[in-house]
Amino acid sequence: NSLKPEDTAVYYCAANPTSDTIMVLTTARDYDYWGQGTQVTVS
């Protein structure tokens, strides 16, 4: 909500099969599986 132009990016979802401690799962290398991405453009 309340999208801003700086939110413009490709958005990816990711999955981690081994840990549920999400507070420390905050980098790309923490996730094993990725989608192809979806473009969000805010004018």
PDB file of all heavy atoms in Angstrom:
ATOM      1  N   ASN A   1       0.839  -1.202   0.000  1.00  0.00           N
ATOM      2  CA  ASN A   1       0.000   0.000   0.000  1.00  0.00           C
ATOM      3  C   ASN A   1       0.871   1.247   0.000  1.00  0.00           C
ATOM      4  O   ASN A   1       2.065   1.187   0.291  1.00  0.00           O
ATOM      5  CB  ASN A   1      -0.907   0.003   1.227  1.00  0.00           C
ATOM      6  CG  ASN A   1      -1.845  -1.187   1.268  1.00  0.00           C
ATOM      7  OD1 ASN A   1      -2.307  -1.679   0.235  1.00  0.00           O
ATOM      8  ND2 ASN A   1      -2.124  -1.674   2.465  1.00  0.00           N
ATOM      9  N   SER A   2       0.257   2.365  -0.323  1.00  0.00           N
ATOM     10  CA  SER A   2       0.963   3.661  -0.328  1.00  0.00           C
ATOM     11  C   SER A   2       2.277   3.563  -1.091  1.00  0.00           C
ATOM     12  O   SER A   2       3.329   3.994  -0.611  1.00  0.00           O
ATOM     13  CB  SER A   2       1.216   4.120   1.116  1.00  0.00           C
ATOM     14  OG  SER A   2      -0.005   4.239   1.814  1.00  0.00           O
ATOM     15  N   LEU A   3       2.218   3.007  -2.255  1.00  0.00           N
ATOM     16  CA  LEU A   3       3.431   2.763  -3.030  1.00  0.00           C
ATOM     17  C   LEU A   3       4.109   4.063  -3.439  1.00  0.00           C
ATOM     18  O   LEU A   3       3.442   5.086  -3.703  1.00  0.00           O
ATOM     19  CB  LEU A   3       3.115   1.913  -4.246  1.00  0.00           C
ATOM     20  CG  LEU A   3       2.915   0.426  -3.931  1.00  0.00           C
ATOM     21  CD1 LEU A   3       2.192  -0.288  -5.061  1.00  0.00           C
ATOM     22  CD2 LEU A   3       4.256  -0.238  -3.653  1.00  0.00           C
ATOM     23  N   LYS A   4       5.434   4.002  -3.502  1.00  0.00           N
ATOM     24  CA  LYS A   4       6.267   5.149  -3.854  1.00  0.00           C
ATOM     25  C   LYS A   4       7.088   4.805  -5.095  1.00  0.00           C
ATOM     26  O   LYS A   4       7.353   3.621  -5.351  1.00  0.00           O
ATOM     27  CB  LYS A   4       7.201   5.479  -2.693  1.00  0.00           C
ATOM     28  CG  LYS A   4       6.500   5.719  -1.377  1.00  0.00           C
ATOM     29  CD  LYS A   4       7.518   5.909  -0.256  1.00  0.00           C
ATOM     30  CE  LYS A   4       6.834   6.106   1.085  1.00  0.00           C
ATOM     31  NZ  LYS A   4       7.822   6.279   2.186  1.00  0.00           N
ATOM     32  N   PRO A   5       7.520   5.796  -5.839  1.00  0.00           N
ATOM     33  CA  PRO A   5       8.368   5.496  -7.006  1.00  0.00           C
ATOM     34  C   PRO A   5       9.606   4.674  -6.645  1.00  0.00           C
ATOM     35  O   PRO A   5      10.052   3.847  -7.459  1.00  0.00           O
ATOM     36  CB  PRO A   5       8.733   6.891  -7.514  1.00  0.00           C
ATOM     37  CG  PRO A   5       7.570   7.742  -7.127  1.00  0.00           C
ATOM     38  CD  PRO A   5       7.133   7.217  -5.781  1.00  0.00           C
ATOM     39  N   GLU A   6      10.141   4.883  -5.458  1.00  0.00           N
ATOM     40  CA  GLU A   6      11.328   4.128  -5.050  1.00  0.00           C
ATOM     41  C   GLU A   6      11.035   2.664  -4.755  1.00  0.00           C
ATOM     42  O   GLU A   6      11.964   1.884  -4.517  1.00  0.00           O
ATOM     43  CB  GLU A   6      12.008   4.785  -3.844  1.00  0.00           C
ATOM     44  CG  GLU A   6      11.091   5.079  -2.687  1.00  0.00           C
ATOM     45  CD  GLU A   6      10.597   6.511  -2.692  1.00  0.00           C
ATOM     46  OE1 GLU A   6      10.232   7.025  -3.788  1.00  0.00           O
ATOM     47  OE2 GLU A   6      10.561   7.125  -1.613  1.00  0.00           O
ATOM     48  N   ASP A   7       9.766   2.275  -4.758  1.00  0.00           N
ATOM     49  CA  ASP A   7       9.414   0.858  -4.622  1.00  0.00           C
ATOM     50  C   ASP A   7       9.513   0.121  -5.963  1.00  0.00           C
ATOM     51  O   ASP A   7       9.344  -1.094  -6.008  1.00  0.00           O
ATOM     52  CB  ASP A   7       7.988   0.704  -4.085  1.00  0.00           C
ATOM     53  CG  ASP A   7       7.844   1.198  -2.660  1.00  0.00           C
ATOM     54  OD1 ASP A   7       8.756   0.939  -1.844  1.00  0.00           O
ATOM     55  OD2 ASP A   7       6.829   1.857  -2.363  1.00  0.00           O
ATOM     56  N   THR A   8       9.769   0.854  -7.026  1.00  0.00           N
ATOM     57  CA  THR A   8       9.914   0.232  -8.341  1.00  0.00           C
ATOM     58  C   THR A   8      11.069  -0.754  -8.343  1.00  0.00           C
ATOM     59  O   THR A   8      12.190  -0.415  -7.964  1.00  0.00           O
ATOM     60  CB  THR A   8      10.147   1.308  -9.412  1.00  0.00           C
ATOM     61  OG1 THR A   8       8.982   2.130  -9.499  1.00  0.00           O
ATOM     62  CG2 THR A   8      10.431   0.673 -10.765  1.00  0.00           C
ATOM     63  N   ALA A   9      10.783  -1.991  -8.726  1.00  0.00           N
ATOM     64  CA  ALA A   9      11.790  -3.059  -8.707  1.00  0.00           C
ATOM     65  C   ALA A   9      11.157  -4.329  -9.264  1.00  0.00           C
ATOM     66  O   ALA A   9       9.942  -4.392  -9.473  1.00  0.00           O
ATOM     67  CB  ALA A   9      12.276  -3.317  -7.282  1.00  0.00           C
ATOM     68  N   VAL A  10      11.997  -5.321  -9.470  1.00  0.00           N
ATOM     69  CA  VAL A  10      11.509  -6.681  -9.694  1.00  0.00           C
ATOM     70  C   VAL A  10      11.392  -7.337  -8.324  1.00  0.00           C
ATOM     71  O   VAL A  10      12.347  -7.329  -7.540  1.00  0.00           O
ATOM     72  CB  VAL A  10      12.451  -7.483 -10.603  1.00  0.00           C
ATOM     73  CG1 VAL A  10      11.929  -8.907 -10.763  1.00  0.00           C
ATOM     74  CG2 VAL A  10      12.580  -6.808 -11.955  1.00  0.00           C
ATOM     75  N   TYR A  11      10.238  -7.894  -8.053  1.00  0.00           N
ATOM     76  CA  TYR A  11       9.971  -8.529  -6.770  1.00  0.00           C
ATOM     77  C   TYR A  11      10.021 -10.049  -6.934  1.00  0.00           C
ATOM     78  O   TYR A  11       9.406 -10.598  -7.859  1.00  0.00           O
ATOM     79  CB  TYR A  11       8.621  -8.087  -6.233  1.00  0.00           C
ATOM     80  CG  TYR A  11       8.645  -6.687  -5.658  1.00  0.00           C
ATOM     81  CD1 TYR A  11       8.765  -5.576  -6.491  1.00  0.00           C
ATOM     82  CD2 TYR A  11       8.598  -6.475  -4.282  1.00  0.00           C
ATOM     83  CE1 TYR A  11       8.826  -4.290  -5.966  1.00  0.00           C
ATOM     84  CE2 TYR A  11       8.643  -5.197  -3.748  1.00  0.00           C
ATOM     85  CZ  TYR A  11       8.758  -4.106  -4.597  1.00  0.00           C
ATOM     86  OH  TYR A  11       8.811  -2.840  -4.068  1.00  0.00           O
ATOM     87  N   TYR A  12      10.754 -10.681  -6.019  1.00  0.00           N
ATOM     88  CA  TYR A  12      10.951 -12.122  -6.055  1.00  0.00           C
ATOM     89  C   TYR A  12      10.444 -12.764  -4.774  1.00  0.00           C
ATOM     90  O   TYR A  12      10.625 -12.199  -3.684  1.00  0.00           O
ATOM     91  CB  TYR A  12      12.435 -12.468  -6.174  1.00  0.00           C
ATOM     92  CG  TYR A  12      13.120 -11.975  -7.411  1.00  0.00           C
ATOM     93  CD1 TYR A  12      13.709 -10.723  -7.457  1.00  0.00           C
ATOM     94  CD2 TYR A  12      13.204 -12.786  -8.555  1.00  0.00           C
ATOM     95  CE1 TYR A  12      14.356 -10.273  -8.596  1.00  0.00           C
ATOM     96  CE2 TYR A  12      13.860 -12.347  -9.693  1.00  0.00           C
ATOM     97  CZ  TYR A  12      14.419 -11.088  -9.710  1.00  0.00           C
ATOM     98  OH  TYR A  12      15.070 -10.650 -10.842  1.00  0.00           O
ATOM     99  N   CYS A  13       9.847 -13.934  -4.891  1.00  0.00           N
ATOM    100  CA  CYS A  13       9.594 -14.707  -3.686  1.00  0.00           C
ATOM    101  C   CYS A  13      10.658 -15.790  -3.576  1.00  0.00           C
ATOM    102  O   CYS A  13      11.269 -16.198  -4.571  1.00  0.00           O
ATOM    103  CB  CYS A  13       8.193 -15.299  -3.673  1.00  0.00           C
ATOM    104  SG  CYS A  13       7.880 -16.592  -4.872  1.00  0.00           S
ATOM    105  N   ALA A  14      10.871 -16.235  -2.344  1.00  0.00           N
ATOM    106  CA  ALA A  14      11.934 -17.190  -2.069  1.00  0.00           C
ATOM    107  C   ALA A  14      11.491 -18.130  -0.958  1.00  0.00           C
ATOM    108  O   ALA A  14      10.668 -17.763  -0.113  1.00  0.00           O
ATOM    109  CB  ALA A  14      13.207 -16.463  -1.668  1.00  0.00           C
ATOM    110  N   ALA A  15      12.077 -19.329  -0.955  1.00  0.00           N
ATOM    111  CA  ALA A  15      11.715 -20.347   0.022  1.00  0.00           C
ATOM    112  C   ALA A  15      12.947 -20.902   0.713  1.00  0.00           C
ATOM    113  O   ALA A  15      13.983 -21.148   0.068  1.00  0.00           O
ATOM    114  CB  ALA A  15      10.958 -21.489  -0.663  1.00  0.00           C
ATOM    115  N   ASN A  16      12.820 -21.110   2.019  1.00  0.00           N
ATOM    116  CA  ASN A  16      13.877 -21.737   2.820  1.00  0.00           C
ATOM    117  C   ASN A  16      13.322 -23.018   3.417  1.00  0.00           C
ATOM    118  O   ASN A  16      12.369 -22.981   4.193  1.00  0.00           O
ATOM    119  CB  ASN A  16      14.324 -20.793   3.930  1.00  0.00           C
ATOM    120  CG  ASN A  16      15.393 -21.416   4.813  1.00  0.00           C
ATOM    121  OD1 ASN A  16      15.209 -22.500   5.358  1.00  0.00           O
ATOM    122  ND2 ASN A  16      16.514 -20.730   4.942  1.00  0.00           N
ATOM    123  N   PRO A  17      13.908 -24.168   3.082  1.00  0.00           N
ATOM    124  CA  PRO A  17      13.378 -25.447   3.549  1.00  0.00           C
ATOM    125  C   PRO A  17      13.926 -25.923   4.881  1.00  0.00           C
ATOM    126  O   PRO A  17      13.454 -26.943   5.416  1.00  0.00           O
ATOM    127  CB  PRO A  17      13.787 -26.403   2.436  1.00  0.00           C
ATOM    128  CG  PRO A  17      15.087 -25.840   1.952  1.00  0.00           C
ATOM    129  CD  PRO A  17      14.981 -24.343   2.096  1.00  0.00           C
ATOM    130  N   THR A  18      14.927 -25.240   5.432  1.00  0.00           N
ATOM    131  CA  THR A  18      15.632 -25.803   6.577  1.00  0.00           C
ATOM    132  C   THR A  18      15.482 -25.020   7.872  1.00  0.00           C
ATOM    133  O   THR A  18      15.755 -25.572   8.941  1.00  0.00           O
ATOM    134  CB  THR A  18      17.129 -25.925   6.256  1.00  0.00           C
ATOM    135  OG1 THR A  18      17.646 -24.629   5.942  1.00  0.00           O
ATOM    136  CG2 THR A  18      17.366 -26.867   5.086  1.00  0.00           C
ATOM    137  N   SER A  19      15.072 -23.771   7.819  1.00  0.00           N
ATOM    138  CA  SER A  19      14.981 -22.967   9.031  1.00  0.00           C
ATOM    139  C   SER A  19      13.673 -22.201   9.060  1.00  0.00           C
ATOM    140  O   SER A  19      13.169 -21.766   8.023  1.00  0.00           O
ATOM    141  CB  SER A  19      16.145 -21.978   9.118  1.00  0.00           C
ATOM    142  OG  SER A  19      15.986 -21.127  10.245  1.00  0.00           O
ATOM    143  N   ASP A  20      13.135 -22.026  10.267  1.00  0.00           N
ATOM    144  CA  ASP A  20      11.916 -21.229  10.442  1.00  0.00           C
ATOM    145  C   ASP A  20      12.187 -20.005  11.300  1.00  0.00           C
ATOM    146  O   ASP A  20      11.248 -19.318  11.717  1.00  0.00           O
ATOM    147  CB  ASP A  20      10.828 -22.092  11.090  1.00  0.00           C
ATOM    148  CG  ASP A  20       9.422 -21.627  10.729  1.00  0.00           C
ATOM    149  OD1 ASP A  20       9.252 -21.074   9.628  1.00  0.00           O
ATOM    150  OD2 ASP A  20       8.505 -21.803  11.551  1.00  0.00           O
ATOM    151  N   THR A  21      13.473 -19.734  11.543  1.00  0.00           N
ATOM    152  CA  THR A  21      13.838 -18.567  12.352  1.00  0.00           C
ATOM    153  C   THR A  21      13.941 -17.366  11.427  1.00  0.00           C
ATOM    154  O   THR A  21      15.045 -16.915  11.063  1.00  0.00           O
ATOM    155  CB  THR A  21      15.162 -18.837  13.080  1.00  0.00           C
ATOM    156  OG1 THR A  21      15.088 -20.088  13.758  1.00  0.00           O
ATOM    157  CG2 THR A  21      15.442 -17.739  14.091  1.00  0.00           C
ATOM    158  N   ILE A  22      12.831 -16.830  11.060  1.00  0.00           N
ATOM    159  CA  ILE A  22      12.788 -15.849   9.976  1.00  0.00           C
ATOM    160  C   ILE A  22      13.491 -14.543  10.335  1.00  0.00           C
ATOM    161  O   ILE A  22      13.887 -13.802   9.436  1.00  0.00           O
ATOM    162  CB  ILE A  22      11.345 -15.561   9.526  1.00  0.00           C
ATOM    163  CG1 ILE A  22      10.508 -15.026  10.684  1.00  0.00           C
ATOM    164  CG2 ILE A  22      10.725 -16.809   8.915  1.00  0.00           C
ATOM    165  CD1 ILE A  22       9.161 -14.500  10.255  1.00  0.00           C
ATOM    166  N   MET A  23      13.673 -14.275  11.616  1.00  0.00           N
ATOM    167  CA  MET A  23      14.332 -13.023  12.007  1.00  0.00           C
ATOM    168  C   MET A  23      15.760 -12.966  11.487  1.00  0.00           C
ATOM    169  O   MET A  23      16.312 -11.875  11.318  1.00  0.00           O
ATOM    170  CB  MET A  23      14.334 -12.876  13.519  1.00  0.00           C
ATOM    171  CG  MET A  23      12.950 -12.760  14.131  1.00  0.00           C
ATOM    172  SD  MET A  23      12.108 -11.237  13.662  1.00  0.00           S
ATOM    173  CE  MET A  23      13.052 -10.041  14.589  1.00  0.00           C
ATOM    174  N   VAL A  24      16.373 -14.133  11.243  1.00  0.00           N
ATOM    175  CA  VAL A  24      17.751 -14.152  10.753  1.00  0.00           C
ATOM    176  C   VAL A  24      17.833 -14.530   9.279  1.00  0.00           C
ATOM    177  O   VAL A  24      18.928 -14.578   8.717  1.00  0.00           O
ATOM    178  CB  VAL A  24      18.641 -15.091  11.597  1.00  0.00           C
ATOM    179  CG1 VAL A  24      18.678 -14.611  13.040  1.00  0.00           C
ATOM    180  CG2 VAL A  24      18.158 -16.524  11.513  1.00  0.00           C
ATOM    181  N   LEU A  25      16.709 -14.771   8.669  1.00  0.00           N
ATOM    182  CA  LEU A  25      16.689 -15.149   7.247  1.00  0.00           C
ATOM    183  C   LEU A  25      16.412 -13.911   6.414  1.00  0.00           C
ATOM    184  O   LEU A  25      15.317 -13.709   5.884  1.00  0.00           O
ATOM    185  CB  LEU A  25      15.631 -16.225   7.003  1.00  0.00           C
ATOM    186  CG  LEU A  25      15.766 -17.506   7.801  1.00  0.00           C
ATOM    187  CD1 LEU A  25      14.620 -18.460   7.478  1.00  0.00           C
ATOM    188  CD2 LEU A  25      17.109 -18.173   7.554  1.00  0.00           C
ATOM    189  N   THR A  26      17.421 -13.046   6.313  1.00  0.00           N
ATOM    190  CA  THR A  26      17.200 -11.740   5.693  1.00  0.00           C
ATOM    191  C   THR A  26      18.138 -11.442   4.536  1.00  0.00           C
ATOM    192  O   THR A  26      18.199 -10.302   4.057  1.00  0.00           O
ATOM    193  CB  THR A  26      17.327 -10.626   6.742  1.00  0.00           C
ATOM    194  OG1 THR A  26      18.629 -10.693   7.315  1.00  0.00           O
ATOM    195  CG2 THR A  26      16.277 -10.767   7.829  1.00  0.00           C
ATOM    196  N   THR A  27      18.879 -12.423   4.081  1.00  0.00           N
ATOM    197  CA  THR A  27      19.732 -12.221   2.919  1.00  0.00           C
ATOM    198  C   THR A  27      19.390 -13.250   1.852  1.00  0.00           C
ATOM    199  O   THR A  27      18.832 -14.317   2.147  1.00  0.00           O
ATOM    200  CB  THR A  27      21.219 -12.340   3.262  1.00  0.00           C
ATOM    201  OG1 THR A  27      21.510 -13.689   3.613  1.00  0.00           O
ATOM    202  CG2 THR A  27      21.585 -11.423   4.424  1.00  0.00           C
ATOM    203  N   ALA A  28      19.756 -12.922   0.623  1.00  0.00           N
ATOM    204  CA  ALA A  28      19.418 -13.810  -0.487  1.00  0.00           C
ATOM    205  C   ALA A  28      20.032 -15.194  -0.319  1.00  0.00           C
ATOM    206  O   ALA A  28      19.427 -16.204  -0.706  1.00  0.00           O
ATOM    207  CB  ALA A  28      19.865 -13.173  -1.796  1.00  0.00           C
ATOM    208  N   ARG A  29      21.190 -15.256   0.272  1.00  0.00           N
ATOM    209  CA  ARG A  29      21.859 -16.563   0.409  1.00  0.00           C
ATOM    210  C   ARG A  29      21.173 -17.463   1.429  1.00  0.00           C
ATOM    211  O   ARG A  29      21.488 -18.654   1.522  1.00  0.00           O
ATOM    212  CB  ARG A  29      23.323 -16.381   0.781  1.00  0.00           C
ATOM    213  CG  ARG A  29      23.559 -15.710   2.115  1.00  0.00           C
ATOM    214  CD  ARG A  29      25.049 -15.623   2.423  1.00  0.00           C
ATOM    215  NE  ARG A  29      25.311 -14.960   3.692  1.00  0.00           N
ATOM    216  CZ  ARG A  29      25.512 -13.660   3.807  1.00  0.00           C
ATOM    217  NH1 ARG A  29      25.473 -12.904   2.721  1.00  0.00           N
ATOM    218  NH2 ARG A  29      25.745 -13.123   4.992  1.00  0.00           N
ATOM    219  N   ASP A  30      20.238 -16.916   2.194  1.00  0.00           N
ATOM    220  CA  ASP A  30      19.502 -17.731   3.165  1.00  0.00           C
ATOM    221  C   ASP A  30      18.390 -18.551   2.514  1.00  0.00           C
ATOM    222  O   ASP A  30      17.766 -19.372   3.182  1.00  0.00           O
ATOM    223  CB  ASP A  30      18.876 -16.844   4.240  1.00  0.00           C
ATOM    224  CG  ASP A  30      19.915 -16.152   5.098  1.00  0.00           C
ATOM    225  OD1 ASP A  30      20.930 -16.806   5.434  1.00  0.00           O
ATOM    226  OD2 ASP A  30      19.727 -14.966   5.424  1.00  0.00           O
ATOM    227  N   TYR A  31      18.136 -18.328   1.245  1.00  0.00           N
ATOM    228  CA  TYR A  31      17.015 -18.977   0.575  1.00  0.00           C
ATOM    229  C   TYR A  31      17.510 -19.826  -0.590  1.00  0.00           C
ATOM    230  O   TYR A  31      18.398 -19.434  -1.333  1.00  0.00           O
ATOM    231  CB  TYR A  31      16.004 -17.932   0.094  1.00  0.00           C
ATOM    232  CG  TYR A  31      15.344 -17.259   1.270  1.00  0.00           C
ATOM    233  CD1 TYR A  31      15.951 -16.174   1.909  1.00  0.00           C
ATOM    234  CD2 TYR A  31      14.145 -17.730   1.788  1.00  0.00           C
ATOM    235  CE1 TYR A  31      15.368 -15.581   3.026  1.00  0.00           C
ATOM    236  CE2 TYR A  31      13.550 -17.133   2.896  1.00  0.00           C
ATOM    237  CZ  TYR A  31      14.174 -16.067   3.508  1.00  0.00           C
ATOM    238  OH  TYR A  31      13.610 -15.495   4.617  1.00  0.00           O
ATOM    239  N   ASP A  32      16.906 -20.996  -0.719  1.00  0.00           N
ATOM    240  CA  ASP A  32      17.363 -21.966  -1.709  1.00  0.00           C
ATOM    241  C   ASP A  32      16.578 -21.926  -3.014  1.00  0.00           C
ATOM    242  O   ASP A  32      17.099 -22.321  -4.054  1.00  0.00           O
ATOM    243  CB  ASP A  32      17.255 -23.382  -1.124  1.00  0.00           C
ATOM    244  CG  ASP A  32      18.164 -23.571   0.072  1.00  0.00           C
ATOM    245  OD1 ASP A  32      19.275 -23.010   0.063  1.00  0.00           O
ATOM    246  OD2 ASP A  32      17.767 -24.288   1.008  1.00  0.00           O
ATOM    247  N   TYR A  33      15.341 -21.493  -2.945  1.00  0.00           N
ATOM    248  CA  TYR A  33      14.483 -21.547  -4.130  1.00  0.00           C
ATOM    249  C   TYR A  33      13.912 -20.161  -4.405  1.00  0.00           C
ATOM    250  O   TYR A  33      13.518 -19.447  -3.473  1.00  0.00           O
ATOM    251  CB  TYR A  33      13.344 -22.559  -3.922  1.00  0.00           C
ATOM    252  CG  TYR A  33      13.846 -23.936  -3.591  1.00  0.00           C
ATOM    253  CD1 TYR A  33      13.751 -24.452  -2.300  1.00  0.00           C
ATOM    254  CD2 TYR A  33      14.446 -24.730  -4.575  1.00  0.00           C
ATOM    255  CE1 TYR A  33      14.231 -25.706  -2.001  1.00  0.00           C
ATOM    256  CE2 TYR A  33      14.924 -25.989  -4.274  1.00  0.00           C
ATOM    257  CZ  TYR A  33      14.818 -26.464  -2.984  1.00  0.00           C
ATOM    258  OH  TYR A  33      15.303 -27.713  -2.686  1.00  0.00           O
ATOM    259  N   TRP A  34      13.836 -19.853  -5.698  1.00  0.00           N
ATOM    260  CA  TRP A  34      13.427 -18.528  -6.129  1.00  0.00           C
ATOM    261  C   TRP A  34      12.443 -18.613  -7.280  1.00  0.00           C
ATOM    262  O   TRP A  34      12.519 -19.505  -8.124  1.00  0.00           O
ATOM    263  CB  TRP A  34      14.641 -17.723  -6.575  1.00  0.00           C
ATOM    264  CG  TRP A  34      15.575 -17.406  -5.463  1.00  0.00           C
ATOM    265  CD1 TRP A  34      16.575 -18.193  -4.980  1.00  0.00           C
ATOM    266  CD2 TRP A  34      15.589 -16.216  -4.673  1.00  0.00           C
ATOM    267  NE1 TRP A  34      17.202 -17.569  -3.926  1.00  0.00           N
ATOM    268  CE2 TRP A  34      16.621 -16.351  -3.723  1.00  0.00           C
ATOM    269  CE3 TRP A  34      14.825 -15.048  -4.674  1.00  0.00           C
ATOM    270  CZ2 TRP A  34      16.910 -15.360  -2.775  1.00  0.00           C
ATOM    271  CZ3 TRP A  34      15.111 -14.063  -3.746  1.00  0.00           C
ATOM    272  CH2 TRP A  34      16.145 -14.221  -2.809  1.00  0.00           C
ATOM    273  N   GLY A  35      11.535 -17.631  -7.322  1.00  0.00           N
ATOM    274  CA  GLY A  35      10.703 -17.469  -8.491  1.00  0.00           C
ATOM    275  C   GLY A  35      11.421 -16.645  -9.545  1.00  0.00           C
ATOM    276  O   GLY A  35      12.552 -16.206  -9.357  1.00  0.00           O
ATOM    277  N   GLN A  36      10.722 -16.410 -10.651  1.00  0.00           N
ATOM    278  CA  GLN A  36      11.329 -15.690 -11.763  1.00  0.00           C
ATOM    279  C   GLN A  36      11.214 -14.173 -11.613  1.00  0.00           C
ATOM    280  O   GLN A  36      11.858 -13.426 -12.351  1.00  0.00           O
ATOM    281  CB  GLN A  36      10.668 -16.121 -13.080  1.00  0.00           C
ATOM    282  CG  GLN A  36       9.352 -15.424 -13.419  1.00  0.00           C
ATOM    283  CD  GLN A  36       8.183 -15.837 -12.528  1.00  0.00           C
ATOM    284  OE1 GLN A  36       8.268 -16.806 -11.773  1.00  0.00           O
ATOM    285  NE2 GLN A  36       7.078 -15.105 -12.627  1.00  0.00           N
ATOM    286  N   GLY A  37      10.399 -13.727 -10.685  1.00  0.00           N
ATOM    287  CA  GLY A  37      10.248 -12.308 -10.434  1.00  0.00           C
ATOM    288  C   GLY A  37       9.061 -11.702 -11.156  1.00  0.00           C
ATOM    289  O   GLY A  37       8.622 -12.205 -12.200  1.00  0.00           O
ATOM    290  N   THR A  38       8.546 -10.626 -10.586  1.00  0.00           N
ATOM    291  CA  THR A  38       7.462  -9.872 -11.214  1.00  0.00           C
ATOM    292  C   THR A  38       7.777  -8.388 -11.079  1.00  0.00           C
ATOM    293  O   THR A  38       8.184  -7.915 -10.017  1.00  0.00           O
ATOM    294  CB  THR A  38       6.095 -10.214 -10.583  1.00  0.00           C
ATOM    295  OG1 THR A  38       5.053  -9.552 -11.297  1.00  0.00           O
ATOM    296  CG2 THR A  38       6.013  -9.840  -9.105  1.00  0.00           C
ATOM    297  N   GLN A  39       7.622  -7.662 -12.171  1.00  0.00           N
ATOM    298  CA  GLN A  39       8.004  -6.246 -12.208  1.00  0.00           C
ATOM    299  C   GLN A  39       6.917  -5.394 -11.560  1.00  0.00           C
ATOM    300  O   GLN A  39       5.724  -5.525 -11.898  1.00  0.00           O
ATOM    301  CB  GLN A  39       8.220  -5.790 -13.646  1.00  0.00           C
ATOM    302  CG  GLN A  39       8.529  -4.308 -13.800  1.00  0.00           C
ATOM    303  CD  GLN A  39       9.904  -3.934 -13.293  1.00  0.00           C
ATOM    304  OE1 GLN A  39      10.893  -4.587 -13.604  1.00  0.00           O
ATOM    305  NE2 GLN A  39       9.981  -2.852 -12.509  1.00  0.00           N
ATOM    306  N   VAL A  40       7.350  -4.521 -10.671  1.00  0.00           N
ATOM    307  CA  VAL A  40       6.473  -3.506 -10.092  1.00  0.00           C
ATOM    308  C   VAL A  40       7.036  -2.141 -10.468  1.00  0.00           C
ATOM    309  O   VAL A  40       8.197  -1.849 -10.194  1.00  0.00           O
ATOM    310  CB  VAL A  40       6.390  -3.645  -8.563  1.00  0.00           C
ATOM    311  CG1 VAL A  40       5.661  -2.461  -7.951  1.00  0.00           C
ATOM    312  CG2 VAL A  40       5.711  -4.956  -8.192  1.00  0.00           C
ATOM    313  N   THR A  41       6.212  -1.326 -11.098  1.00  0.00           N
ATOM    314  CA  THR A  41       6.627   0.014 -11.490  1.00  0.00           C
ATOM    315  C   THR A  41       5.647   1.016 -10.907  1.00  0.00           C
ATOM    316  O   THR A  41       4.438   0.911 -11.139  1.00  0.00           O
ATOM    317  CB  THR A  41       6.667   0.162 -13.023  1.00  0.00           C
ATOM    318  OG1 THR A  41       7.559  -0.827 -13.564  1.00  0.00           O
ATOM    319  CG2 THR A  41       7.146   1.543 -13.416  1.00  0.00           C
ATOM    320  N   VAL A  42       6.182   1.961 -10.155  1.00  0.00           N
ATOM    321  CA  VAL A  42       5.364   2.979  -9.515  1.00  0.00           C
ATOM    322  C   VAL A  42       5.683   4.328 -10.162  1.00  0.00           C
ATOM    323  O   VAL A  42       6.826   4.789 -10.092  1.00  0.00           O
ATOM    324  CB  VAL A  42       5.604   3.037  -8.006  1.00  0.00           C
ATOM    325  CG1 VAL A  42       4.659   4.039  -7.352  1.00  0.00           C
ATOM    326  CG2 VAL A  42       5.436   1.651  -7.383  1.00  0.00           C
ATOM    327  N   SER A  43       4.712   4.925 -10.773  1.00  0.00           N
ATOM    328  CA  SER A  43       4.916   6.213 -11.444  1.00  0.00           C
ATOM    329  C   SER A  43       4.602   7.358 -10.495  1.00  0.00           C
ATOM    330  O   SER A  43       3.731   7.258  -9.629  1.00  0.00           O
ATOM    331  CB  SER A  43       4.032   6.293 -12.679  1.00  0.00           C
ATOM    332  OG  SER A  43       2.663   6.270 -12.318  1.00  0.00           O
TER     333      SER A  43
END
